[in-house]
């Protein structure tokens, strides 16, 4: 796989199919921890670590245990147990080495256990035929996308707190308006990837569909996508 293909997969999962603004996963943490940049970045980094590790572990369990022994119907329960265990480990590490961050995250750190962004990425990567390397890139891109949006949104909320806002719109209402505008902006990234059909431009399917819904992405398949981008 070429470097440009690696960048393409990460870019797709990070921006075109952002877990927060496009798939609307992890909204609880998105709204709850984005009041300050420090807390938002701390939560974002924790989610990146959990997504990458949890997706890797669950992918291995799914393909080499659940599928092998015909126990696929247990995937949701097993994945939640794996994610909960990883969150507990990360919580212990943060509490010991970064106590100020642990206090600022508060209840939202344990809530990563039930963060649907983590579970959603893990399930998609496992059951849609991604190879191990593609799975790692997709998980990393999804986690970085979560971190990016948390940082941008926390910065905007800090700036809004310095402005005079009508009482009826202060707090969560104005935050939802800003989040909606961000979602609209990021949705336009889909138009970056286009293909030509009979000399007419035709928008490609959204990138998660390109990457995930394809049962077994091959080199020829990815090369074809890269040609369309030129």
C-alpha atoms as a PDB file:
ATOM      1  CA  UNK A   1       0.000   0.000   0.000  1.00  0.00           C
ATOM      2  CA  UNK A   2       1.385   3.393  -0.991  1.00  0.00           C
ATOM      3  CA  UNK A   3       1.751   6.374   1.329  1.00  0.00           C
ATOM      4  CA  UNK A   4      -0.949   8.283  -0.562  1.00  0.00           C
ATOM      5  CA  UNK A   5      -3.420   5.437  -0.005  1.00  0.00           C
ATOM      6  CA  UNK A   6      -2.653   5.415   3.709  1.00  0.00           C
ATOM      7  CA  UNK A   7      -3.268   9.166   3.899  1.00  0.00           C
ATOM      8  CA  UNK A   8      -6.484   8.736   1.919  1.00  0.00           C
ATOM      9  CA  UNK A   9      -7.915   6.164   4.345  1.00  0.00           C
ATOM     10  CA  UNK A  10      -6.993   8.221   7.409  1.00  0.00           C
ATOM     11  CA  UNK A  11      -8.353  11.402   5.809  1.00  0.00           C
ATOM     12  CA  UNK A  12     -11.606   9.637   4.908  1.00  0.00           C
ATOM     13  CA  UNK A  13     -12.295   8.245   8.384  1.00  0.00           C
ATOM     14  CA  UNK A  14     -11.109  11.446  10.067  1.00  0.00           C
ATOM     15  CA  UNK A  15     -12.991  14.102   8.092  1.00  0.00           C
ATOM     16  CA  UNK A  16     -15.377  12.737   5.487  1.00  0.00           C
ATOM     17  CA  UNK A  17     -16.996  10.272   7.900  1.00  0.00           C
ATOM     18  CA  UNK A  18     -16.236  11.946  11.216  1.00  0.00           C
ATOM     19  CA  UNK A  19     -17.663   9.902  14.090  1.00  0.00           C
ATOM     20  CA  UNK A  20     -19.203  12.971  15.745  1.00  0.00           C
ATOM     21  CA  UNK A  21     -20.370  15.264  12.949  1.00  0.00           C
ATOM     22  CA  UNK A  22     -21.172  12.677  10.298  1.00  0.00           C
ATOM     23  CA  UNK A  23     -22.125   9.522  12.212  1.00  0.00           C
ATOM     24  CA  UNK A  24     -23.371  11.404  15.320  1.00  0.00           C
ATOM     25  CA  UNK A  25     -21.640   9.078  17.776  1.00  0.00           C
ATOM     26  CA  UNK A  26     -20.183  10.121  21.122  1.00  0.00           C
ATOM     27  CA  UNK A  27     -22.449  13.160  21.484  1.00  0.00           C
ATOM     28  CA  UNK A  28     -22.577  12.905  25.302  1.00  0.00           C
ATOM     29  CA  UNK A  29     -18.832  13.440  25.684  1.00  0.00           C
ATOM     30  CA  UNK A  30     -18.871  15.934  22.827  1.00  0.00           C
ATOM     31  CA  UNK A  31     -21.239  18.274  24.669  1.00  0.00           C
ATOM     32  CA  UNK A  32     -20.218  17.474  28.234  1.00  0.00           C
ATOM     33  CA  UNK A  33     -16.425  17.850  28.113  1.00  0.00           C
ATOM     34  CA  UNK A  34     -16.026  20.570  25.486  1.00  0.00           C
ATOM     35  CA  UNK A  35     -16.333  23.573  27.809  1.00  0.00           C
ATOM     36  CA  UNK A  36     -12.548  23.834  28.140  1.00  0.00           C
ATOM     37  CA  UNK A  37      -9.800  22.920  25.701  1.00  0.00           C
ATOM     38  CA  UNK A  38      -7.731  21.110  28.319  1.00  0.00           C
ATOM     39  CA  UNK A  39     -10.541  18.735  29.237  1.00  0.00           C
ATOM     40  CA  UNK A  40     -11.553  18.308  25.597  1.00  0.00           C
ATOM     41  CA  UNK A  41      -8.027  17.423  24.479  1.00  0.00           C
ATOM     42  CA  UNK A  42      -7.611  15.065  27.437  1.00  0.00           C
ATOM     43  CA  UNK A  43     -10.861  13.300  26.608  1.00  0.00           C
ATOM     44  CA  UNK A  44      -9.961  13.239  22.913  1.00  0.00           C
ATOM     45  CA  UNK A  45      -6.572  11.636  23.534  1.00  0.00           C
ATOM     46  CA  UNK A  46      -8.162   9.077  25.858  1.00  0.00           C
ATOM     47  CA  UNK A  47     -10.749   8.209  23.207  1.00  0.00           C
ATOM     48  CA  UNK A  48      -8.039   7.898  20.525  1.00  0.00           C
ATOM     49  CA  UNK A  49      -6.144   5.422  22.713  1.00  0.00           C
ATOM     50  CA  UNK A  50      -9.277   3.446  23.595  1.00  0.00           C
ATOM     51  CA  UNK A  51     -10.536   3.342  19.989  1.00  0.00           C
ATOM     52  CA  UNK A  52      -7.235   2.111  18.555  1.00  0.00           C
ATOM     53  CA  UNK A  53      -6.578  -0.488  21.274  1.00  0.00           C
ATOM     54  CA  UNK A  54     -10.198  -1.625  21.591  1.00  0.00           C
ATOM     55  CA  UNK A  55     -10.691  -1.905  17.821  1.00  0.00           C
ATOM     56  CA  UNK A  56      -7.506  -3.956  17.503  1.00  0.00           C
ATOM     57  CA  UNK A  57      -8.435  -6.326  20.332  1.00  0.00           C
ATOM     58  CA  UNK A  58     -12.061  -6.710  19.260  1.00  0.00           C
ATOM     59  CA  UNK A  59     -11.046  -7.265  15.615  1.00  0.00           C
ATOM     60  CA  UNK A  60      -8.794 -10.138  16.695  1.00  0.00           C
ATOM     61  CA  UNK A  61     -11.458 -11.607  18.990  1.00  0.00           C
ATOM     62  CA  UNK A  62     -14.135 -11.299  16.324  1.00  0.00           C
ATOM     63  CA  UNK A  63     -12.152 -12.894  13.507  1.00  0.00           C
ATOM     64  CA  UNK A  64     -10.278 -15.580  15.438  1.00  0.00           C
ATOM     65  CA  UNK A  65     -12.761 -16.484  18.180  1.00  0.00           C
ATOM     66  CA  UNK A  66     -16.342 -15.411  17.502  1.00  0.00           C
ATOM     67  CA  UNK A  67     -16.357 -16.211  13.779  1.00  0.00           C
ATOM     68  CA  UNK A  68     -14.327 -19.389  14.258  1.00  0.00           C
ATOM     69  CA  UNK A  69     -16.701 -20.809  16.883  1.00  0.00           C
ATOM     70  CA  UNK A  70     -19.871 -19.352  15.341  1.00  0.00           C
ATOM     71  CA  UNK A  71     -20.460 -16.939  18.242  1.00  0.00           C
ATOM     72  CA  UNK A  72     -20.881 -13.764  16.219  1.00  0.00           C
ATOM     73  CA  UNK A  73     -24.170 -12.999  17.963  1.00  0.00           C
ATOM     74  CA  UNK A  74     -22.164 -12.286  21.141  1.00  0.00           C
ATOM     75  CA  UNK A  75     -20.067  -9.537  19.547  1.00  0.00           C
ATOM     76  CA  UNK A  76     -21.822  -6.572  21.191  1.00  0.00           C
ATOM     77  CA  UNK A  77     -21.531  -8.019  24.701  1.00  0.00           C
ATOM     78  CA  UNK A  78     -17.922  -9.084  24.194  1.00  0.00           C
ATOM     79  CA  UNK A  79     -16.949  -5.733  22.677  1.00  0.00           C
ATOM     80  CA  UNK A  80     -18.489  -3.801  25.587  1.00  0.00           C
ATOM     81  CA  UNK A  81     -16.588  -5.960  28.092  1.00  0.00           C
ATOM     82  CA  UNK A  82     -13.312  -5.368  26.249  1.00  0.00           C
ATOM     83  CA  UNK A  83     -13.913  -1.611  26.039  1.00  0.00           C
ATOM     84  CA  UNK A  84     -14.893  -1.428  29.726  1.00  0.00           C
ATOM     85  CA  UNK A  85     -11.688  -3.213  30.738  1.00  0.00           C
ATOM     86  CA  UNK A  86      -9.518  -0.899  28.643  1.00  0.00           C
ATOM     87  CA  UNK A  87     -11.231   2.196  30.038  1.00  0.00           C
ATOM     88  CA  UNK A  88     -10.577   1.014  33.579  1.00  0.00           C
ATOM     89  CA  UNK A  89      -6.881   0.556  32.793  1.00  0.00           C
ATOM     90  CA  UNK A  90      -6.621   4.006  31.185  1.00  0.00           C
ATOM     91  CA  UNK A  91      -8.521   5.565  34.091  1.00  0.00           C
ATOM     92  CA  UNK A  92      -6.024   4.089  36.567  1.00  0.00           C
ATOM     93  CA  UNK A  93      -3.082   5.373  34.509  1.00  0.00           C
ATOM     94  CA  UNK A  94      -4.506   8.913  34.191  1.00  0.00           C
ATOM     95  CA  UNK A  95      -5.419   9.026  37.875  1.00  0.00           C
ATOM     96  CA  UNK A  96      -1.871   8.098  38.870  1.00  0.00           C
ATOM     97  CA  UNK A  97       0.158  10.198  36.417  1.00  0.00           C
ATOM     98  CA  UNK A  98      -2.166  13.124  35.503  1.00  0.00           C
ATOM     99  CA  UNK A  99      -4.448  13.714  38.532  1.00  0.00           C
ATOM    100  CA  UNK A 100      -5.506  17.201  37.380  1.00  0.00           C
ATOM    101  CA  UNK A 101      -6.786  15.793  34.084  1.00  0.00           C
ATOM    102  CA  UNK A 102      -8.507  12.977  35.964  1.00  0.00           C
ATOM    103  CA  UNK A 103     -10.383  15.513  38.096  1.00  0.00           C
ATOM    104  CA  UNK A 104     -11.323  17.694  35.117  1.00  0.00           C
ATOM    105  CA  UNK A 105     -12.700  14.737  33.145  1.00  0.00           C
ATOM    106  CA  UNK A 106     -14.744  13.592  36.134  1.00  0.00           C
ATOM    107  CA  UNK A 107     -17.634  11.301  35.318  1.00  0.00           C
ATOM    108  CA  UNK A 108     -16.996  11.507  31.580  1.00  0.00           C
ATOM    109  CA  UNK A 109     -13.905   9.295  31.715  1.00  0.00           C
ATOM    110  CA  UNK A 110     -15.827   6.208  32.905  1.00  0.00           C
ATOM    111  CA  UNK A 111     -18.495   7.109  30.347  1.00  0.00           C
ATOM    112  CA  UNK A 112     -16.053   6.173  27.578  1.00  0.00           C
ATOM    113  CA  UNK A 113     -17.144   2.629  28.436  1.00  0.00           C
ATOM    114  CA  UNK A 114     -20.551   3.363  26.943  1.00  0.00           C
ATOM    115  CA  UNK A 115     -19.299   5.831  24.320  1.00  0.00           C
ATOM    116  CA  UNK A 116     -21.018   4.665  21.166  1.00  0.00           C
ATOM    117  CA  UNK A 117     -18.190   6.129  19.073  1.00  0.00           C
ATOM    118  CA  UNK A 118     -15.772   3.541  20.470  1.00  0.00           C
ATOM    119  CA  UNK A 119     -18.250   0.691  20.116  1.00  0.00           C
ATOM    120  CA  UNK A 120     -19.394   1.826  16.673  1.00  0.00           C
ATOM    121  CA  UNK A 121     -15.871   1.964  15.248  1.00  0.00           C
ATOM    122  CA  UNK A 122     -15.038  -1.434  16.756  1.00  0.00           C
ATOM    123  CA  UNK A 123     -18.145  -3.112  15.317  1.00  0.00           C
ATOM    124  CA  UNK A 124     -17.734  -1.576  11.859  1.00  0.00           C
ATOM    125  CA  UNK A 125     -14.068  -2.506  11.630  1.00  0.00           C
ATOM    126  CA  UNK A 126     -14.717  -6.076  12.752  1.00  0.00           C
ATOM    127  CA  UNK A 127     -17.770  -7.137  10.803  1.00  0.00           C
ATOM    128  CA  UNK A 128     -17.168  -5.413   7.470  1.00  0.00           C
ATOM    129  CA  UNK A 129     -14.170  -7.343   6.236  1.00  0.00           C
ATOM    130  CA  UNK A 130     -11.337  -4.884   6.819  1.00  0.00           C
ATOM    131  CA  UNK A 131      -7.836  -6.299   6.809  1.00  0.00           C
ATOM    132  CA  UNK A 132      -5.740  -5.819   9.945  1.00  0.00           C
ATOM    133  CA  UNK A 133      -3.752  -2.899   8.526  1.00  0.00           C
ATOM    134  CA  UNK A 134      -6.858  -1.192   7.111  1.00  0.00           C
ATOM    135  CA  UNK A 135      -8.537  -1.658  10.484  1.00  0.00           C
ATOM    136  CA  UNK A 136      -5.664   0.102  12.254  1.00  0.00           C
ATOM    137  CA  UNK A 137      -5.784   3.033   9.832  1.00  0.00           C
ATOM    138  CA  UNK A 138      -9.553   3.330  10.116  1.00  0.00           C
ATOM    139  CA  UNK A 139      -9.444   3.217  13.932  1.00  0.00           C
ATOM    140  CA  UNK A 140      -6.629   5.769  14.094  1.00  0.00           C
ATOM    141  CA  UNK A 141      -8.391   8.113  11.665  1.00  0.00           C
ATOM    142  CA  UNK A 142     -11.673   7.845  13.553  1.00  0.00           C
ATOM    143  CA  UNK A 143      -9.971   8.583  16.864  1.00  0.00           C
ATOM    144  CA  UNK A 144      -8.069  11.547  15.453  1.00  0.00           C
ATOM    145  CA  UNK A 145     -11.320  12.840  13.953  1.00  0.00           C
ATOM    146  CA  UNK A 146     -12.926  12.707  17.398  1.00  0.00           C
ATOM    147  CA  UNK A 147      -9.952  14.563  18.905  1.00  0.00           C
ATOM    148  CA  UNK A 148      -9.968  17.203  16.157  1.00  0.00           C
ATOM    149  CA  UNK A 149     -13.651  18.025  16.578  1.00  0.00           C
ATOM    150  CA  UNK A 150     -13.377  18.096  20.370  1.00  0.00           C
ATOM    151  CA  UNK A 151     -10.538  20.625  20.092  1.00  0.00           C
ATOM    152  CA  UNK A 152     -12.298  22.833  17.526  1.00  0.00           C
ATOM    153  CA  UNK A 153     -15.600  22.752  19.388  1.00  0.00           C
ATOM    154  CA  UNK A 154     -14.004  23.475  22.794  1.00  0.00           C
ATOM    155  CA  UNK A 155     -12.134  26.447  21.284  1.00  0.00           C
ATOM    156  CA  UNK A 156     -15.367  27.841  19.850  1.00  0.00           C
ATOM    157  CA  UNK A 157     -17.226  27.363  23.138  1.00  0.00           C
ATOM    158  CA  UNK A 158     -14.472  29.175  25.039  1.00  0.00           C
ATOM    159  CA  UNK A 159     -14.733  32.067  22.600  1.00  0.00           C
ATOM    160  CA  UNK A 160     -18.521  32.113  22.910  1.00  0.00           C
ATOM    161  CA  UNK A 161     -18.231  32.351  26.695  1.00  0.00           C
ATOM    162  CA  UNK A 162     -16.407  35.665  26.209  1.00  0.00           C
ATOM    163  CA  UNK A 163     -19.248  37.107  24.137  1.00  0.00           C
ATOM    164  CA  UNK A 164     -22.624  38.458  25.163  1.00  0.00           C
ATOM    165  CA  UNK A 165     -25.215  35.873  24.198  1.00  0.00           C
ATOM    166  CA  UNK A 166     -28.965  36.111  24.892  1.00  0.00           C
ATOM    167  CA  UNK A 167     -29.888  34.161  28.009  1.00  0.00           C
ATOM    168  CA  UNK A 168     -32.248  31.897  26.090  1.00  0.00           C
ATOM    169  CA  UNK A 169     -29.421  30.822  23.777  1.00  0.00           C
ATOM    170  CA  UNK A 170     -26.556  30.558  26.262  1.00  0.00           C
ATOM    171  CA  UNK A 171     -25.061  27.190  27.166  1.00  0.00           C
ATOM    172  CA  UNK A 172     -26.286  24.091  25.353  1.00  0.00           C
ATOM    173  CA  UNK A 173     -28.602  25.880  22.822  1.00  0.00           C
ATOM    174  CA  UNK A 174     -25.808  27.940  21.239  1.00  0.00           C
ATOM    175  CA  UNK A 175     -23.485  24.925  21.456  1.00  0.00           C
ATOM    176  CA  UNK A 176     -25.946  22.858  19.413  1.00  0.00           C
ATOM    177  CA  UNK A 177     -26.210  25.642  16.828  1.00  0.00           C
ATOM    178  CA  UNK A 178     -22.417  25.747  16.481  1.00  0.00           C
ATOM    179  CA  UNK A 179     -22.262  21.949  16.266  1.00  0.00           C
ATOM    180  CA  UNK A 180     -24.863  22.008  13.487  1.00  0.00           C
ATOM    181  CA  UNK A 181     -22.824  24.537  11.508  1.00  0.00           C
ATOM    182  CA  UNK A 182     -19.690  22.420  11.956  1.00  0.00           C
ATOM    183  CA  UNK A 183     -21.582  19.346  10.740  1.00  0.00           C
ATOM    184  CA  UNK A 184     -22.684  21.216   7.611  1.00  0.00           C
ATOM    185  CA  UNK A 185     -19.126  22.385   6.946  1.00  0.00           C
ATOM    186  CA  UNK A 186     -17.639  18.916   7.339  1.00  0.00           C
ATOM    187  CA  UNK A 187     -20.343  17.362   5.181  1.00  0.00           C
ATOM    188  CA  UNK A 188     -18.956  19.364   2.255  1.00  0.00           C
ATOM    189  CA  UNK A 189     -15.697  17.387   2.382  1.00  0.00           C
ATOM    190  CA  UNK A 190     -17.559  14.557   0.678  1.00  0.00           C
ATOM    191  CA  UNK A 191     -17.385  16.546  -2.559  1.00  0.00           C
ATOM    192  CA  UNK A 192     -13.584  16.328  -2.554  1.00  0.00           C
ATOM    193  CA  UNK A 193     -13.681  12.739  -3.824  1.00  0.00           C
ATOM    194  CA  UNK A 194     -15.311  12.568  -7.234  1.00  0.00           C
ATOM    195  CA  UNK A 195     -15.258  10.355 -10.252  1.00  0.00           C
ATOM    196  CA  UNK A 196     -15.862  11.102 -13.879  1.00  0.00           C
ATOM    197  CA  UNK A 197     -18.587   9.174 -15.682  1.00  0.00           C
ATOM    198  CA  UNK A 198     -19.140   9.936 -19.373  1.00  0.00           C
ATOM    199  CA  UNK A 199     -17.379  13.302 -18.985  1.00  0.00           C
ATOM    200  CA  UNK A 200     -19.751  14.225 -16.151  1.00  0.00           C
ATOM    201  CA  UNK A 201     -18.664  14.600 -12.552  1.00  0.00           C
ATOM    202  CA  UNK A 202     -20.387  12.218 -10.233  1.00  0.00           C
ATOM    203  CA  UNK A 203     -19.960  12.279  -6.463  1.00  0.00           C
ATOM    204  CA  UNK A 204     -18.541   9.104  -4.978  1.00  0.00           C
ATOM    205  CA  UNK A 205     -20.292   7.339  -2.126  1.00  0.00           C
ATOM    206  CA  UNK A 206     -19.368   8.621   1.317  1.00  0.00           C
ATOM    207  CA  UNK A 207     -15.948   7.376   2.285  1.00  0.00           C
ATOM    208  CA  UNK A 208     -16.922   5.064   5.098  1.00  0.00           C
ATOM    209  CA  UNK A 209     -19.028   3.215   2.543  1.00  0.00           C
ATOM    210  CA  UNK A 210     -16.053   3.150   0.158  1.00  0.00           C
ATOM    211  CA  UNK A 211     -13.737   1.782   2.833  1.00  0.00           C
ATOM    212  CA  UNK A 212     -16.000  -0.226   5.105  1.00  0.00           C
ATOM    213  CA  UNK A 213     -18.805  -1.615   3.029  1.00  0.00           C
ATOM    214  CA  UNK A 214     -16.342  -3.182   0.617  1.00  0.00           C
ATOM    215  CA  UNK A 215     -15.912  -6.695   1.983  1.00  0.00           C
ATOM    216  CA  UNK A 216     -12.198  -7.044   1.336  1.00  0.00           C
ATOM    217  CA  UNK A 217     -10.422  -3.934   0.048  1.00  0.00           C
ATOM    218  CA  UNK A 218      -7.705  -4.951  -2.360  1.00  0.00           C
ATOM    219  CA  UNK A 219      -4.766  -3.059  -3.811  1.00  0.00           C
ATOM    220  CA  UNK A 220      -6.523  -2.785  -7.190  1.00  0.00           C
ATOM    221  CA  UNK A 221      -9.620  -1.417  -5.487  1.00  0.00           C
ATOM    222  CA  UNK A 222      -7.666   1.269  -3.627  1.00  0.00           C
ATOM    223  CA  UNK A 223      -5.596   2.114  -6.707  1.00  0.00           C
ATOM    224  CA  UNK A 224      -8.837   2.677  -8.614  1.00  0.00           C
ATOM    225  CA  UNK A 225      -9.980   5.116  -5.935  1.00  0.00           C
ATOM    226  CA  UNK A 226      -6.694   6.987  -6.068  1.00  0.00           C
ATOM    227  CA  UNK A 227      -6.958   7.332  -9.860  1.00  0.00           C
ATOM    228  CA  UNK A 228     -10.371   8.932  -9.465  1.00  0.00           C
ATOM    229  CA  UNK A 229      -8.895  11.571  -7.166  1.00  0.00           C
ATOM    230  CA  UNK A 230      -6.392  12.743  -9.831  1.00  0.00           C
END
